[in-house]
N, C-alpha and C. Protein backbone atom coordinates (compact mmCIF):
# COMPACT_ATOMS: atom_id res chain seq x y z
N MET A 1 -4.73 -12.65 -2.09
CA MET A 1 -3.77 -13.27 -1.20
C MET A 1 -2.73 -12.22 -0.80
N ILE A 2 -2.31 -12.28 0.44
CA ILE A 2 -1.32 -11.32 0.95
C ILE A 2 0.08 -11.78 0.57
N ASN A 3 0.87 -10.85 0.09
CA ASN A 3 2.28 -11.09 -0.23
C ASN A 3 3.10 -10.67 0.98
N TRP A 4 3.33 -11.61 1.89
CA TRP A 4 4.08 -11.29 3.10
C TRP A 4 5.54 -11.07 2.77
N HIS A 5 6.17 -10.18 3.51
CA HIS A 5 7.58 -9.84 3.30
C HIS A 5 8.51 -10.97 3.76
N THR A 6 8.04 -11.77 4.69
CA THR A 6 8.80 -12.94 5.15
C THR A 6 7.97 -14.19 4.91
N SER A 7 8.56 -15.34 5.12
CA SER A 7 7.84 -16.60 4.84
C SER A 7 6.74 -16.88 5.86
N THR A 8 6.78 -16.25 7.02
CA THR A 8 5.73 -16.45 8.02
C THR A 8 4.96 -15.15 8.27
N PRO A 9 3.65 -15.22 8.29
CA PRO A 9 2.86 -14.01 8.57
C PRO A 9 3.17 -13.49 9.98
N PRO A 10 3.00 -12.19 10.17
CA PRO A 10 3.27 -11.62 11.50
C PRO A 10 2.18 -12.01 12.50
N LYS A 11 2.51 -11.86 13.73
CA LYS A 11 1.52 -12.06 14.79
C LYS A 11 0.86 -10.72 15.08
N ALA A 12 -0.44 -10.76 15.28
CA ALA A 12 -1.19 -9.55 15.64
C ALA A 12 -0.82 -9.14 17.06
N PRO A 13 -0.90 -7.86 17.35
CA PRO A 13 -1.43 -6.79 16.51
C PRO A 13 -0.38 -6.24 15.55
N PHE A 14 -0.87 -5.78 14.40
CA PHE A 14 -0.08 -5.02 13.43
C PHE A 14 -1.04 -4.06 12.74
N TYR A 15 -0.55 -3.30 11.80
CA TYR A 15 -1.35 -2.23 11.19
C TYR A 15 -1.57 -2.49 9.70
N ALA A 16 -2.71 -1.99 9.22
CA ALA A 16 -3.03 -2.05 7.79
C ALA A 16 -3.28 -0.62 7.30
N SER A 17 -2.61 -0.28 6.21
CA SER A 17 -2.85 0.99 5.53
C SER A 17 -3.65 0.65 4.28
N ILE A 18 -4.89 1.11 4.22
CA ILE A 18 -5.82 0.72 3.17
C ILE A 18 -6.05 1.91 2.24
N PHE A 19 -5.76 1.70 0.97
CA PHE A 19 -5.86 2.76 -0.04
C PHE A 19 -6.82 2.30 -1.13
N ASN A 20 -7.95 2.98 -1.25
CA ASN A 20 -8.96 2.68 -2.27
C ASN A 20 -9.01 3.83 -3.27
N TYR A 21 -9.17 3.51 -4.55
CA TYR A 21 -9.11 4.56 -5.56
C TYR A 21 -9.87 4.21 -6.83
N TYR A 22 -10.17 5.26 -7.58
CA TYR A 22 -10.65 5.17 -8.96
C TYR A 22 -9.63 5.90 -9.81
N LEU A 23 -9.14 5.25 -10.85
CA LEU A 23 -8.16 5.86 -11.74
C LEU A 23 -8.80 6.88 -12.68
N SER A 24 -8.02 7.86 -13.06
CA SER A 24 -8.47 8.84 -14.06
C SER A 24 -8.12 8.29 -15.44
N ASP A 25 -8.32 9.12 -16.45
CA ASP A 25 -7.97 8.73 -17.82
C ASP A 25 -6.51 9.05 -18.14
N ASP A 26 -5.88 9.91 -17.34
CA ASP A 26 -4.49 10.31 -17.57
C ASP A 26 -3.56 9.49 -16.68
N LEU A 27 -3.02 8.41 -17.23
CA LEU A 27 -2.17 7.52 -16.44
C LEU A 27 -0.70 7.56 -16.87
N GLU A 28 -0.32 8.64 -17.54
CA GLU A 28 1.06 8.77 -17.98
C GLU A 28 2.00 8.71 -16.76
N GLY A 29 2.93 7.76 -16.79
CA GLY A 29 3.89 7.59 -15.71
C GLY A 29 3.42 6.76 -14.54
N TYR A 30 2.14 6.40 -14.52
CA TYR A 30 1.56 5.68 -13.38
C TYR A 30 2.23 4.32 -13.16
N ASP A 31 2.34 3.52 -14.20
CA ASP A 31 2.91 2.17 -14.05
C ASP A 31 4.35 2.21 -13.54
N ALA A 32 5.13 3.15 -14.04
CA ALA A 32 6.53 3.27 -13.61
C ALA A 32 6.62 3.61 -12.13
N TYR A 33 5.81 4.57 -11.68
CA TYR A 33 5.82 4.93 -10.25
C TYR A 33 5.27 3.79 -9.41
N ASP A 34 4.28 3.08 -9.91
CA ASP A 34 3.71 1.95 -9.19
C ASP A 34 4.79 0.90 -8.92
N LEU A 35 5.55 0.56 -9.93
CA LEU A 35 6.64 -0.42 -9.76
C LEU A 35 7.73 0.11 -8.84
N GLN A 36 8.08 1.38 -9.02
CA GLN A 36 9.14 1.97 -8.21
C GLN A 36 8.75 2.02 -6.73
N THR A 37 7.55 2.47 -6.44
CA THR A 37 7.14 2.57 -5.04
C THR A 37 6.97 1.19 -4.41
N LEU A 38 6.51 0.21 -5.18
CA LEU A 38 6.40 -1.14 -4.64
C LEU A 38 7.78 -1.69 -4.28
N GLY A 39 8.76 -1.44 -5.12
CA GLY A 39 10.12 -1.87 -4.82
C GLY A 39 10.68 -1.17 -3.58
N LEU A 40 10.40 0.11 -3.44
CA LEU A 40 10.90 0.88 -2.29
C LEU A 40 10.22 0.48 -0.99
N VAL A 41 8.91 0.30 -1.04
CA VAL A 41 8.19 -0.01 0.20
C VAL A 41 8.68 -1.33 0.80
N LYS A 42 9.07 -2.26 -0.03
CA LYS A 42 9.57 -3.55 0.45
C LYS A 42 10.87 -3.41 1.23
N GLN A 43 11.56 -2.29 1.06
CA GLN A 43 12.83 -2.04 1.76
C GLN A 43 12.64 -1.25 3.06
N MET A 44 11.44 -0.79 3.32
CA MET A 44 11.19 0.05 4.49
C MET A 44 11.16 -0.78 5.77
N PRO A 45 11.87 -0.32 6.81
CA PRO A 45 11.79 -1.00 8.11
C PRO A 45 10.34 -1.01 8.61
N GLY A 46 9.89 -2.13 9.10
CA GLY A 46 8.54 -2.26 9.62
C GLY A 46 7.51 -2.68 8.60
N PHE A 47 7.88 -2.78 7.31
CA PHE A 47 6.96 -3.25 6.27
C PHE A 47 6.77 -4.75 6.43
N LEU A 48 5.51 -5.20 6.43
CA LEU A 48 5.22 -6.61 6.64
C LEU A 48 4.71 -7.32 5.39
N GLY A 49 4.04 -6.61 4.49
CA GLY A 49 3.50 -7.23 3.29
C GLY A 49 2.43 -6.36 2.67
N TYR A 50 1.83 -6.89 1.59
CA TYR A 50 0.80 -6.12 0.89
C TYR A 50 -0.12 -7.04 0.11
N GLU A 51 -1.24 -6.50 -0.28
CA GLU A 51 -2.13 -7.13 -1.25
C GLU A 51 -2.73 -6.02 -2.11
N SER A 52 -3.00 -6.36 -3.35
CA SER A 52 -3.46 -5.37 -4.30
C SER A 52 -4.51 -5.97 -5.22
N MET A 53 -5.55 -5.20 -5.48
CA MET A 53 -6.60 -5.63 -6.41
C MET A 53 -6.96 -4.45 -7.29
N LYS A 54 -7.13 -4.71 -8.58
CA LYS A 54 -7.51 -3.66 -9.52
C LYS A 54 -8.45 -4.27 -10.55
N HIS A 55 -9.55 -3.57 -10.83
CA HIS A 55 -10.51 -4.05 -11.83
C HIS A 55 -11.26 -2.84 -12.40
N GLU A 56 -11.17 -2.70 -13.72
CA GLU A 56 -11.91 -1.67 -14.45
C GLU A 56 -11.74 -0.28 -13.83
N GLY A 57 -10.50 0.08 -13.53
CA GLY A 57 -10.21 1.42 -13.05
C GLY A 57 -10.40 1.64 -11.57
N ARG A 58 -10.88 0.64 -10.87
CA ARG A 58 -11.04 0.76 -9.42
C ARG A 58 -10.02 -0.16 -8.76
N GLY A 59 -9.42 0.30 -7.67
CA GLY A 59 -8.41 -0.52 -7.03
C GLY A 59 -8.34 -0.35 -5.53
N THR A 60 -7.68 -1.31 -4.93
CA THR A 60 -7.39 -1.29 -3.49
C THR A 60 -5.97 -1.79 -3.31
N PHE A 61 -5.20 -1.07 -2.52
CA PHE A 61 -3.86 -1.50 -2.15
C PHE A 61 -3.81 -1.46 -0.63
N ILE A 62 -3.52 -2.59 -0.02
CA ILE A 62 -3.41 -2.67 1.43
C ILE A 62 -1.98 -3.05 1.76
N SER A 63 -1.32 -2.20 2.54
CA SER A 63 0.01 -2.55 3.02
C SER A 63 -0.08 -2.81 4.52
N TYR A 64 0.75 -3.73 4.98
CA TYR A 64 0.73 -4.13 6.38
C TYR A 64 2.04 -3.72 7.03
N TRP A 65 1.93 -3.22 8.28
CA TRP A 65 3.06 -2.59 8.96
C TRP A 65 3.16 -3.02 10.40
N GLN A 66 4.36 -3.00 10.90
CA GLN A 66 4.64 -3.36 12.29
C GLN A 66 4.04 -2.34 13.26
N ASP A 67 4.14 -1.06 12.92
CA ASP A 67 3.65 -0.02 13.83
C ASP A 67 3.38 1.28 13.07
N GLU A 68 2.82 2.24 13.79
CA GLU A 68 2.48 3.53 13.17
C GLU A 68 3.71 4.33 12.77
N THR A 69 4.80 4.16 13.47
CA THR A 69 6.03 4.86 13.11
C THR A 69 6.51 4.43 11.73
N ALA A 70 6.44 3.14 11.44
CA ALA A 70 6.85 2.63 10.12
C ALA A 70 5.96 3.22 9.03
N ILE A 71 4.67 3.32 9.29
CA ILE A 71 3.74 3.91 8.32
C ILE A 71 4.09 5.38 8.10
N ALA A 72 4.36 6.10 9.18
CA ALA A 72 4.70 7.53 9.07
C ALA A 72 6.00 7.72 8.30
N ASN A 73 6.97 6.85 8.52
CA ASN A 73 8.23 6.94 7.78
C ASN A 73 8.01 6.72 6.29
N TRP A 74 7.18 5.78 5.92
CA TRP A 74 6.87 5.54 4.52
C TRP A 74 6.14 6.75 3.92
N ALA A 75 5.22 7.31 4.69
CA ALA A 75 4.47 8.48 4.20
C ALA A 75 5.39 9.66 3.91
N GLN A 76 6.53 9.74 4.60
CA GLN A 76 7.47 10.85 4.41
C GLN A 76 8.55 10.55 3.38
N HIS A 77 8.58 9.35 2.83
CA HIS A 77 9.61 9.00 1.84
C HIS A 77 9.44 9.91 0.62
N PRO A 78 10.53 10.53 0.13
CA PRO A 78 10.41 11.50 -0.98
C PRO A 78 9.76 10.94 -2.25
N ILE A 79 10.08 9.72 -2.63
CA ILE A 79 9.47 9.14 -3.85
C ILE A 79 7.99 8.87 -3.62
N HIS A 80 7.65 8.41 -2.42
CA HIS A 80 6.23 8.19 -2.11
C HIS A 80 5.47 9.52 -2.13
N GLN A 81 6.10 10.57 -1.61
CA GLN A 81 5.44 11.88 -1.65
C GLN A 81 5.27 12.39 -3.09
N GLU A 82 6.25 12.14 -3.94
CA GLU A 82 6.11 12.50 -5.37
C GLU A 82 4.94 11.75 -5.99
N ALA A 83 4.86 10.45 -5.72
CA ALA A 83 3.78 9.63 -6.28
C ALA A 83 2.42 10.12 -5.78
N LYS A 84 2.34 10.47 -4.50
CA LYS A 84 1.07 10.99 -3.96
C LYS A 84 0.67 12.29 -4.66
N ALA A 85 1.64 13.17 -4.86
CA ALA A 85 1.35 14.45 -5.52
C ALA A 85 0.88 14.22 -6.96
N LEU A 86 1.53 13.33 -7.67
CA LEU A 86 1.10 13.02 -9.04
C LEU A 86 -0.28 12.35 -9.05
N GLY A 87 -0.53 11.50 -8.07
CA GLY A 87 -1.85 10.88 -7.96
C GLY A 87 -2.95 11.91 -7.80
N ILE A 88 -2.72 12.88 -6.93
CA ILE A 88 -3.70 13.94 -6.72
C ILE A 88 -3.85 14.80 -7.97
N ALA A 89 -2.73 15.11 -8.61
CA ALA A 89 -2.74 16.00 -9.77
C ALA A 89 -3.36 15.36 -11.01
N LYS A 90 -3.13 14.03 -11.19
CA LYS A 90 -3.62 13.48 -12.46
C LYS A 90 -4.07 12.03 -12.47
N TRP A 91 -3.58 11.14 -11.62
CA TRP A 91 -3.86 9.72 -11.77
C TRP A 91 -5.18 9.24 -11.16
N TYR A 92 -5.65 9.94 -10.12
CA TYR A 92 -6.84 9.46 -9.41
C TYR A 92 -8.01 10.41 -9.58
N ARG A 93 -9.15 9.82 -9.89
CA ARG A 93 -10.41 10.57 -9.89
C ARG A 93 -10.89 10.76 -8.47
N TYR A 94 -10.65 9.72 -7.68
CA TYR A 94 -11.09 9.70 -6.28
C TYR A 94 -10.19 8.72 -5.54
N TYR A 95 -9.93 9.02 -4.29
CA TYR A 95 -9.27 8.04 -3.43
C TYR A 95 -9.59 8.34 -1.98
N HIS A 96 -9.45 7.34 -1.16
CA HIS A 96 -9.45 7.54 0.28
C HIS A 96 -8.50 6.52 0.89
N SER A 97 -7.95 6.88 2.03
CA SER A 97 -7.05 5.96 2.72
C SER A 97 -7.42 5.89 4.19
N MET A 98 -7.10 4.75 4.79
CA MET A 98 -7.41 4.51 6.20
C MET A 98 -6.27 3.72 6.81
N ILE A 99 -6.05 3.93 8.09
CA ILE A 99 -5.11 3.13 8.86
C ILE A 99 -5.93 2.37 9.89
N ALA A 100 -5.70 1.07 9.96
CA ALA A 100 -6.46 0.23 10.89
C ALA A 100 -5.51 -0.68 11.67
N VAL A 101 -5.91 -1.00 12.88
CA VAL A 101 -5.16 -1.96 13.68
C VAL A 101 -5.75 -3.34 13.45
N VAL A 102 -4.89 -4.28 13.15
CA VAL A 102 -5.32 -5.68 12.99
C VAL A 102 -5.07 -6.36 14.34
N ASN A 103 -6.15 -6.64 15.04
CA ASN A 103 -6.04 -7.24 16.37
C ASN A 103 -5.98 -8.76 16.33
N ARG A 104 -6.56 -9.32 15.29
CA ARG A 104 -6.53 -10.78 15.12
C ARG A 104 -6.23 -11.09 13.67
N PHE A 105 -5.48 -12.15 13.44
CA PHE A 105 -5.21 -12.59 12.08
C PHE A 105 -5.04 -14.10 12.08
N HIS A 106 -5.72 -14.75 11.18
CA HIS A 106 -5.48 -16.16 10.94
C HIS A 106 -5.75 -16.42 9.46
N SER A 107 -5.11 -17.44 8.92
CA SER A 107 -5.31 -17.77 7.51
C SER A 107 -5.12 -19.27 7.32
N HIS A 108 -5.58 -19.72 6.20
CA HIS A 108 -5.41 -21.12 5.83
C HIS A 108 -5.18 -21.17 4.34
N GLN A 109 -4.16 -21.87 3.93
CA GLN A 109 -3.89 -22.01 2.51
C GLN A 109 -4.29 -23.41 2.08
N PHE A 110 -5.06 -23.50 1.00
CA PHE A 110 -5.54 -24.79 0.51
C PHE A 110 -4.58 -25.39 -0.46
């Protein structure tokens, strides 16, 4: 389920930043940075929401954004850059990321 930043989901089009990864065995500091970056991203202009899934060392984090400028601003945030560098150096065995345009969105909650 998506954790929207506001009580109403945004209207399309908007953007999705999709991050898929496999964790390494060295996760020292990972949880602290994970919490810190999640708190920071929620304060970024243009942030719309996120969803996250993790199972047996494999994960996906999808953040939703108003536009590409908002995504670029988050990518340049110093704490986010520190977390990315640590991820490359020790936390991730493998990762890939993608930016996609969401042209249509609808949902139903039961």
